[in-house]
C-alpha atoms as a PDB file:
ATOM      1  CA  MET A   1       0.136   0.071   0.071  1.00  0.00           C
ATOM      2  CA  SER A   2       2.854   2.471   0.915  1.00  0.00           C
ATOM      3  CA  ASP A   3       4.186   1.862  -2.376  1.00  0.00           C
ATOM      4  CA  GLN A   4       1.176   2.727  -4.362  1.00  0.00           C
ATOM      5  CA  ARG A   5       0.736   5.651  -2.290  1.00  0.00           C
ATOM      6  CA  ALA A   6       4.354   6.790  -3.445  1.00  0.00           C
ATOM      7  CA  TYR A   7       3.516   6.057  -6.950  1.00  0.00           C
ATOM      8  CA  HIS A   8       0.299   7.769  -6.321  1.00  0.00           C
ATOM      9  CA  LEU A   9       1.908  10.973  -4.776  1.00  0.00           C
ATOM     10  CA  THR A  10       4.434  10.980  -7.145  1.00  0.00           C
ATOM     11  CA  GLN A  11       1.763  11.652  -9.936  1.00  0.00           C
ATOM     12  CA  PHE A  12       0.035  14.161  -7.816  1.00  0.00           C
ATOM     13  CA  TYR A  13       2.883  16.381  -7.390  1.00  0.00           C
ATOM     14  CA  GLU A  14       3.689  16.096 -11.272  1.00  0.00           C
ATOM     15  CA  LEU A  15      -0.192  17.703 -11.943  1.00  0.00           C
ATOM     16  CA  LEU A  16       0.947  20.408  -9.317  1.00  0.00           C
ATOM     17  CA  ALA A  17       3.909  21.046 -11.101  1.00  0.00           C
ATOM     18  CA  GLN A  18       2.155  21.509 -14.154  1.00  0.00           C
ATOM     19  CA  LEU A  19      -0.556  23.771 -12.271  1.00  0.00           C
ATOM     20  CA  GLU A  20       2.624  25.834 -11.043  1.00  0.00           C
ATOM     21  CA  ARG A  21       3.580  26.528 -14.466  1.00  0.00           C
ATOM     22  CA  ASN A  22      -0.007  27.307 -15.653  1.00  0.00           C
ATOM     23  CA  LEU A  23      -0.097  29.824 -12.670  1.00  0.00           C
ATOM     24  CA  GLY A  24       3.233  31.397 -13.830  1.00  0.00           C
ATOM     25  CA  ASP A  25       4.771  30.495  -9.920  1.00  0.00           C
ATOM     26  CA  ALA A  26       3.870  30.173  -6.418  1.00  0.00           C
ATOM     27  CA  ARG A  27       2.773  33.195  -4.644  1.00  0.00           C
ATOM     28  CA  ARG A  28       3.573  34.055  -0.925  1.00  0.00           C
ATOM     29  CA  LEU A  29       0.832  35.845   0.994  1.00  0.00           C
ATOM     30  CA  SER A  30       3.460  38.456   1.978  1.00  0.00           C
ATOM     31  CA  ASN A  31       3.070  39.539  -1.801  1.00  0.00           C
ATOM     32  CA  CYS A  32      -0.490  39.024  -2.080  1.00  0.00           C
ATOM     33  CA  SER A  33      -3.508  41.264  -1.917  1.00  0.00           C
ATOM     34  CA  GLY A  34      -6.991  41.810  -3.071  1.00  0.00           C
ATOM     35  CA  GLN A  35      -6.145  43.666  -5.780  1.00  0.00           C
ATOM     36  CA  MET A  36      -4.448  40.477  -7.895  1.00  0.00           C
ATOM     37  CA  ALA A  37      -6.270  38.361  -9.819  1.00  0.00           C
ATOM     38  CA  TRP A  38      -7.962  35.611  -7.978  1.00  0.00           C
ATOM     39  CA  PRO A  39     -10.663  33.303  -9.116  1.00  0.00           C
ATOM     40  CA  GLN A  40     -14.014  33.463  -7.184  1.00  0.00           C
ATOM     41  CA  ARG A  41     -13.520  29.689  -5.836  1.00  0.00           C
ATOM     42  CA  GLY A  42     -10.846  27.651  -5.601  1.00  0.00           C
ATOM     43  CA  VAL A  43      -8.465  24.944  -3.265  1.00  0.00           C
ATOM     44  CA  TYR A  44      -5.555  25.970  -2.004  1.00  0.00           C
ATOM     45  CA  PHE A  45      -1.738  24.114  -1.385  1.00  0.00           C
ATOM     46  CA  PHE A  46       0.564  25.311   1.303  1.00  0.00           C
ATOM     47  CA  ARG A  47       4.304  24.787   1.205  1.00  0.00           C
ATOM     48  CA  GLU A  48       6.962  25.303   3.998  1.00  0.00           C
ATOM     49  CA  THR A  49      10.610  26.484   3.359  1.00  0.00           C
ATOM     50  CA  GLY A  50      12.562  23.614   4.530  1.00  0.00           C
ATOM     51  CA  GLU A  51      10.166  21.039   4.260  1.00  0.00           C
ATOM     52  CA  ILE A  52      11.839  18.531   1.256  1.00  0.00           C
ATOM     53  CA  ARG A  53      10.123  15.572  -0.154  1.00  0.00           C
ATOM     54  CA  THR A  54      12.235  12.752   0.342  1.00  0.00           C
ATOM     55  CA  ASP A  55      10.400   9.969  -1.416  1.00  0.00           C
ATOM     56  CA  THR A  56       8.461  11.092  -4.722  1.00  0.00           C
ATOM     57  CA  GLY A  57      10.623  13.356  -6.285  1.00  0.00           C
ATOM     58  CA  ASN A  58      12.670  17.062  -5.725  1.00  0.00           C
ATOM     59  CA  GLY A  59      11.060  19.799  -4.254  1.00  0.00           C
ATOM     60  CA  LEU A  60       8.859  21.277  -1.542  1.00  0.00           C
ATOM     61  CA  ARG A  61       6.330  19.052   0.400  1.00  0.00           C
ATOM     62  CA  ILE A  62       2.371  19.863   0.799  1.00  0.00           C
ATOM     63  CA  VAL A  63       1.862  21.056   4.383  1.00  0.00           C
ATOM     64  CA  LEU A  64      -1.451  22.481   4.041  1.00  0.00           C
ATOM     65  CA  VAL A  65      -4.464  21.722   2.034  1.00  0.00           C
ATOM     66  CA  GLY A  66      -7.791  24.208   1.724  1.00  0.00           C
ATOM     67  CA  THR A  67     -10.764  25.475   0.537  1.00  0.00           C
ATOM     68  CA  HIS A  68     -13.661  27.706   1.699  1.00  0.00           C
ATOM     69  CA  ALA A  69     -17.215  28.009   1.453  1.00  0.00           C
ATOM     70  CA  LEU A  70     -18.434  24.655   1.634  1.00  0.00           C
ATOM     71  CA  LYS A  71     -21.922  25.265   3.536  1.00  0.00           C
ATOM     72  CA  ALA A  72     -24.962  26.043   0.683  1.00  0.00           C
ATOM     73  CA  GLY A  73     -25.460  29.566   0.387  1.00  0.00           C
ATOM     74  CA  ALA A  74     -21.940  30.530   1.626  1.00  0.00           C
ATOM     75  CA  LYS A  75     -20.694  33.446   0.232  1.00  0.00           C
ATOM     76  CA  ALA A  76     -17.036  33.768   0.764  1.00  0.00           C
ATOM     77  CA  THR A  77     -14.206  33.866  -1.823  1.00  0.00           C
ATOM     78  CA  LEU A  78     -10.897  32.083  -2.006  1.00  0.00           C
ATOM     79  CA  TRP A  79      -9.210  35.719  -1.316  1.00  0.00           C
ATOM     80  CA  ASN A  80     -11.625  36.383   1.518  1.00  0.00           C
ATOM     81  CA  ARG A  81     -10.080  32.736   3.345  1.00  0.00           C
ATOM     82  CA  LEU A  82      -6.292  33.141   2.192  1.00  0.00           C
ATOM     83  CA  SER A  83      -6.578  36.996   3.581  1.00  0.00           C
ATOM     84  CA  GLN A  84      -8.034  35.400   7.032  1.00  0.00           C
ATOM     85  CA  HIS A  85      -4.782  33.391   7.269  1.00  0.00           C
ATOM     86  CA  GLN A  86      -2.677  36.251   6.056  1.00  0.00           C
ATOM     87  CA  GLY A  87      -3.767  38.607   8.535  1.00  0.00           C
ATOM     88  CA  ASN A  88      -2.130  41.846   8.926  1.00  0.00           C
ATOM     89  CA  ALA A  89       1.782  41.777   9.802  1.00  0.00           C
ATOM     90  CA  GLY A  90       1.960  45.278   9.715  1.00  0.00           C
ATOM     91  CA  GLY A  91      -1.023  46.265  12.312  1.00  0.00           C
ATOM     92  CA  SER A  92      -3.270  44.216  14.341  1.00  0.00           C
ATOM     93  CA  GLY A  93      -1.483  41.167  13.027  1.00  0.00           C
ATOM     94  CA  GLY A  94      -4.631  39.229  12.141  1.00  0.00           C
ATOM     95  CA  SER A  95      -6.997  37.059  13.986  1.00  0.00           C
ATOM     96  CA  HIS A  96      -6.711  33.454  15.100  1.00  0.00           C
ATOM     97  CA  ARG A  97     -10.195  33.064  15.675  1.00  0.00           C
ATOM     98  CA  GLY A  98     -10.585  32.920  12.050  1.00  0.00           C
ATOM     99  CA  SER A  99      -8.499  30.963  10.712  1.00  0.00           C
ATOM    100  CA  ILE A 100      -7.633  27.296  11.923  1.00  0.00           C
ATOM    101  CA  PHE A 101      -4.673  27.294  10.465  1.00  0.00           C
ATOM    102  CA  ARG A 102      -2.867  30.731  12.031  1.00  0.00           C
ATOM    103  CA  LEU A 103      -4.277  29.095  15.329  1.00  0.00           C
ATOM    104  CA  ILE A 104      -2.638  25.632  15.020  1.00  0.00           C
ATOM    105  CA  VAL A 105       0.516  27.194  13.823  1.00  0.00           C
ATOM    106  CA  GLY A 106       0.191  29.976  16.878  1.00  0.00           C
ATOM    107  CA  ALA A 107       0.171  26.781  19.263  1.00  0.00           C
ATOM    108  CA  ALA A 108       3.204  25.239  18.148  1.00  0.00           C
ATOM    109  CA  LEU A 109       5.302  28.452  17.956  1.00  0.00           C
ATOM    110  CA  ILE A 110       3.980  29.192  21.630  1.00  0.00           C
ATOM    111  CA  GLN A 111       4.807  25.221  22.367  1.00  0.00           C
ATOM    112  CA  ARG A 112       8.379  25.657  20.750  1.00  0.00           C
ATOM    113  CA  ASP A 113       9.216  29.376  21.643  1.00  0.00           C
ATOM    114  CA  GLY A 114       8.329  29.211  25.452  1.00  0.00           C
ATOM    115  CA  TRP A 115       5.443  32.129  24.590  1.00  0.00           C
ATOM    116  CA  VAL A 116       2.663  32.691  27.636  1.00  0.00           C
ATOM    117  CA  PHE A 117      -0.655  33.132  25.955  1.00  0.00           C
ATOM    118  CA  PRO A 118      -3.366  31.492  28.113  1.00  0.00           C
ATOM    119  CA  CYS A 119      -6.302  32.899  25.988  1.00  0.00           C
ATOM    120  CA  TRP A 120      -5.033  31.845  22.798  1.00  0.00           C
ATOM    121  CA  GLY A 121      -7.408  29.094  21.371  1.00  0.00           C
ATOM    122  CA  GLN A 122     -10.359  30.551  23.426  1.00  0.00           C
ATOM    123  CA  LEU A 123     -12.318  31.573  20.323  1.00  0.00           C
ATOM    124  CA  ASN A 124     -15.245  32.980  22.038  1.00  0.00           C
ATOM    125  CA  ASN A 125     -15.845  36.215  23.852  1.00  0.00           C
ATOM    126  CA  ALA A 126     -12.269  37.361  23.698  1.00  0.00           C
ATOM    127  CA  SER A 127     -11.685  40.569  25.019  1.00  0.00           C
ATOM    128  CA  SER A 128     -10.667  43.901  23.263  1.00  0.00           C
ATOM    129  CA  VAL A 129      -7.383  43.454  26.406  1.00  0.00           C
ATOM    130  CA  VAL A 130      -6.981  39.979  25.571  1.00  0.00           C
ATOM    131  CA  ARG A 131      -6.953  40.662  21.762  1.00  0.00           C
ATOM    132  CA  GLU A 132      -4.608  43.316  21.966  1.00  0.00           C
ATOM    133  CA  SER A 133      -2.514  41.696  24.100  1.00  0.00           C
ATOM    134  CA  GLU A 134      -2.020  38.659  21.686  1.00  0.00           C
ATOM    135  CA  ARG A 135      -0.705  41.310  19.030  1.00  0.00           C
ATOM    136  CA  PRO A 136       3.020  40.009  19.204  1.00  0.00           C
ATOM    137  CA  MET A 137       1.904  36.277  18.923  1.00  0.00           C
ATOM    138  CA  GLU A 138      -0.466  37.208  16.008  1.00  0.00           C
ATOM    139  CA  ARG A 139       2.789  38.608  14.223  1.00  0.00           C
ATOM    140  CA  ALA A 140       5.090  35.765  14.842  1.00  0.00           C
ATOM    141  CA  VAL A 141       2.241  33.611  13.053  1.00  0.00           C
ATOM    142  CA  CYS A 142       2.215  36.324  10.306  1.00  0.00           C
ATOM    143  CA  ALA A 143       5.572  35.655   9.761  1.00  0.00           C
ATOM    144  CA  ALA A 144       5.398  31.848   9.814  1.00  0.00           C
ATOM    145  CA  ILE A 145       2.611  31.555   7.285  1.00  0.00           C
ATOM    146  CA  CYS A 146       3.059  34.706   5.007  1.00  0.00           C
ATOM    147  CA  ASN A 147       6.670  33.271   3.837  1.00  0.00           C
ATOM    148  CA  MET A 148       5.418  29.755   2.366  1.00  0.00           C
ATOM    149  CA  PRO A 149       4.498  29.513  -0.955  1.00  0.00           C
ATOM    150  CA  PHE A 150       1.427  28.423  -2.452  1.00  0.00           C
ATOM    151  CA  LEU A 151      -0.782  27.436  -5.456  1.00  0.00           C
ATOM    152  CA  TRP A 152      -4.176  27.560  -6.077  1.00  0.00           C
ATOM    153  CA  LEU A 153      -6.866  25.612  -8.281  1.00  0.00           C
ATOM    154  CA  PRO A 154      -9.654  27.471  -9.696  1.00  0.00           C
ATOM    155  CA  VAL A 155     -12.654  25.323  -9.415  1.00  0.00           C
ATOM    156  CA  GLU A 156     -15.695  27.685  -9.831  1.00  0.00           C
ATOM    157  CA  ASP A 157     -18.593  25.185  -8.051  1.00  0.00           C
ATOM    158  CA  GLU A 158     -21.539  26.089  -5.909  1.00  0.00           C
ATOM    159  CA  PRO A 159     -21.348  25.682  -2.326  1.00  0.00           C
ATOM    160  CA  GLY A 160     -22.731  22.618  -0.812  1.00  0.00           C
ATOM    161  CA  PRO A 161     -22.080  19.412   0.069  1.00  0.00           C
ATOM    162  CA  ASN A 162     -21.230  18.077  -3.230  1.00  0.00           C
ATOM    163  CA  SER A 163     -18.618  20.531  -3.895  1.00  0.00           C
ATOM    164  CA  LEU A 164     -15.949  19.359  -6.347  1.00  0.00           C
ATOM    165  CA  ARG A 165     -13.596  21.634  -3.834  1.00  0.00           C
ATOM    166  CA  GLY A 166     -14.462  19.911  -1.010  1.00  0.00           C
ATOM    167  CA  TYR A 167     -13.622  16.419  -2.579  1.00  0.00           C
ATOM    168  CA  ILE A 168     -10.376  17.694  -4.064  1.00  0.00           C
ATOM    169  CA  GLU A 169      -9.283  18.874  -0.359  1.00  0.00           C
ATOM    170  CA  ARG A 170     -10.273  16.185   1.426  1.00  0.00           C
ATOM    171  CA  ASN A 171      -8.855  13.347  -0.662  1.00  0.00           C
ATOM    172  CA  SER A 172      -5.763  15.506  -1.330  1.00  0.00           C
ATOM    173  CA  ILE A 173      -5.257  15.316   2.502  1.00  0.00           C
ATOM    174  CA  GLY A 174      -6.107  11.907   2.629  1.00  0.00           C
ATOM    175  CA  LEU A 175      -3.236  11.121  -0.040  1.00  0.00           C
ATOM    176  CA  LEU A 176      -0.814  13.457   1.213  1.00  0.00           C
ATOM    177  CA  SER A 177      -1.364  12.450   5.359  1.00  0.00           C
ATOM    178  CA  ASN A 178       1.127  10.056   6.706  1.00  0.00           C
ATOM    179  CA  TYR A 179      -1.359   9.419   9.915  1.00  0.00           C
ATOM    180  CA  ARG A 180      -1.217   6.119  11.137  1.00  0.00           C
ATOM    181  CA  LYS A 181       0.675   4.844   7.866  1.00  0.00           C
ATOM    182  CA  THR A 182       3.666   4.221   6.424  1.00  0.00           C
ATOM    183  CA  PRO A 183       5.505   7.613   6.087  1.00  0.00           C
ATOM    184  CA  ILE A 184       6.095   9.220   2.943  1.00  0.00           C
ATOM    185  CA  ASP A 185       7.888  12.498   2.508  1.00  0.00           C
ATOM    186  CA  SER A 186       8.477  12.920   5.933  1.00  0.00           C
ATOM    187  CA  PRO A 187       8.759  16.090   7.799  1.00  0.00           C
ATOM    188  CA  SER A 188      12.216  17.557   8.507  1.00  0.00           C
ATOM    189  CA  PRO A 189      13.594  16.957  12.189  1.00  0.00           C
ATOM    190  CA  GLY A 190      13.134  20.529  13.061  1.00  0.00           C
ATOM    191  CA  TRP A 191       9.250  21.343  11.433  1.00  0.00           C
ATOM    192  CA  LEU A 192       7.283  23.349  13.327  1.00  0.00           C
ATOM    193  CA  GLY A 193       4.436  21.179  12.941  1.00  0.00           C
ATOM    194  CA  LYS A 194       5.821  18.985  15.809  1.00  0.00           C
ATOM    195  CA  TYR A 195       5.375  21.058  18.510  1.00  0.00           C
ATOM    196  CA  SER A 196       1.933  20.935  17.633  1.00  0.00           C
ATOM    197  CA  ASP A 197      -0.532  20.026  20.541  1.00  0.00           C
ATOM    198  CA  ARG A 198      -2.909  18.153  17.929  1.00  0.00           C
ATOM    199  CA  ASP A 199      -1.152  14.812  17.024  1.00  0.00           C
ATOM    200  CA  ARG A 200      -3.184  14.422  14.092  1.00  0.00           C
ATOM    201  CA  VAL A 201      -1.105  17.678  12.919  1.00  0.00           C
ATOM    202  CA  ARG A 202       2.315  16.049  14.342  1.00  0.00           C
ATOM    203  CA  LEU A 203       1.784  12.611  12.942  1.00  0.00           C
ATOM    204  CA  SER A 204       0.448  13.624   9.575  1.00  0.00           C
ATOM    205  CA  GLY A 205       3.068  15.874   8.526  1.00  0.00           C
ATOM    206  CA  LEU A 206       0.199  18.392   7.523  1.00  0.00           C
ATOM    207  CA  TRP A 207      -1.287  21.476   9.186  1.00  0.00           C
ATOM    208  CA  ASN A 208      -4.423  19.861   8.409  1.00  0.00           C
ATOM    209  CA  SER A 209      -6.309  18.332  11.240  1.00  0.00           C
ATOM    210  CA  ASN A 210      -9.545  17.268   9.175  1.00  0.00           C
ATOM    211  CA  HIS A 211      -9.388  14.283   6.747  1.00  0.00           C
ATOM    212  CA  VAL A 212      -5.941  13.180   7.791  1.00  0.00           C
ATOM    213  CA  ASP A 213      -7.323   9.913   8.992  1.00  0.00           C
ATOM    214  CA  ASP A 214      -9.290   9.450   5.818  1.00  0.00           C
ATOM    215  CA  ASP A 215      -8.630   7.401   2.514  1.00  0.00           C
ATOM    216  CA  TYR A 216      -8.246   8.811  -1.238  1.00  0.00           C
ATOM    217  CA  ALA A 217      -9.854   7.891  -3.699  1.00  0.00           C
ATOM    218  CA  ARG A 218      -7.294   6.762  -6.511  1.00  0.00           C
ATOM    219  CA  TYR A 219      -6.693   9.328  -9.609  1.00  0.00           C
ATOM    220  CA  PHE A 220      -8.921  11.663  -8.175  1.00  0.00           C
ATOM    221  CA  TRP A 221      -6.769  14.488  -8.934  1.00  0.00           C
ATOM    222  CA  MET A 222      -7.208  13.379 -12.402  1.00  0.00           C
ATOM    223  CA  LEU A 223     -10.563  15.441 -12.256  1.00  0.00           C
ATOM    224  CA  CYS A 224      -8.914  18.532 -12.131  1.00  0.00           C
ATOM    225  CA  SER A 225      -6.170  18.007 -14.646  1.00  0.00           C
ATOM    226  CA  ASP A 226      -7.806  19.977 -17.343  1.00  0.00           C
END
């Protein structure tokens, strides 16, 4: 099974390389704004400097897959979601209460670097005093996330339970995840995610915690290869 998954991962990364060529290059959130050309809806794939593929070819491994607007009637756009992850490094720093990615990365930074933010992760009813005290941590999260190169796949389907974006997201995570599997493209010894308080992050090698124990549909990626 691990040999088959390695083969499928290699094919998956080859398709992402073609996507990168089609896009012109990867982007980093530090250089992005809402004035850039973005599709209304899509799936995004973040990589991380220092996280090298060791079993499926050359280049950086994917560390996060995400999408948005999966509930019927949802209005969020791709840039809406990316901007929540981006935050505002020069101002408030952003809010981990609007981005699970920011929350998980922040918790790992707190554990690794010995920060003390007792209200981090308390998502409801945080006072303005608490939010102000968290600004240094939010800025540290910006510095970590906004430096990660990412690709985006335009998928202009309607929000809802049968969204192709949701299908691509969960199958991509299932394929990439090492959670309770023979590891492929293992995280580096210094990967920040190893300090996560979530075993699903530590053991999967991804910043995702949903779908890491899912299987994946064989050749699902061919649905988005056109």
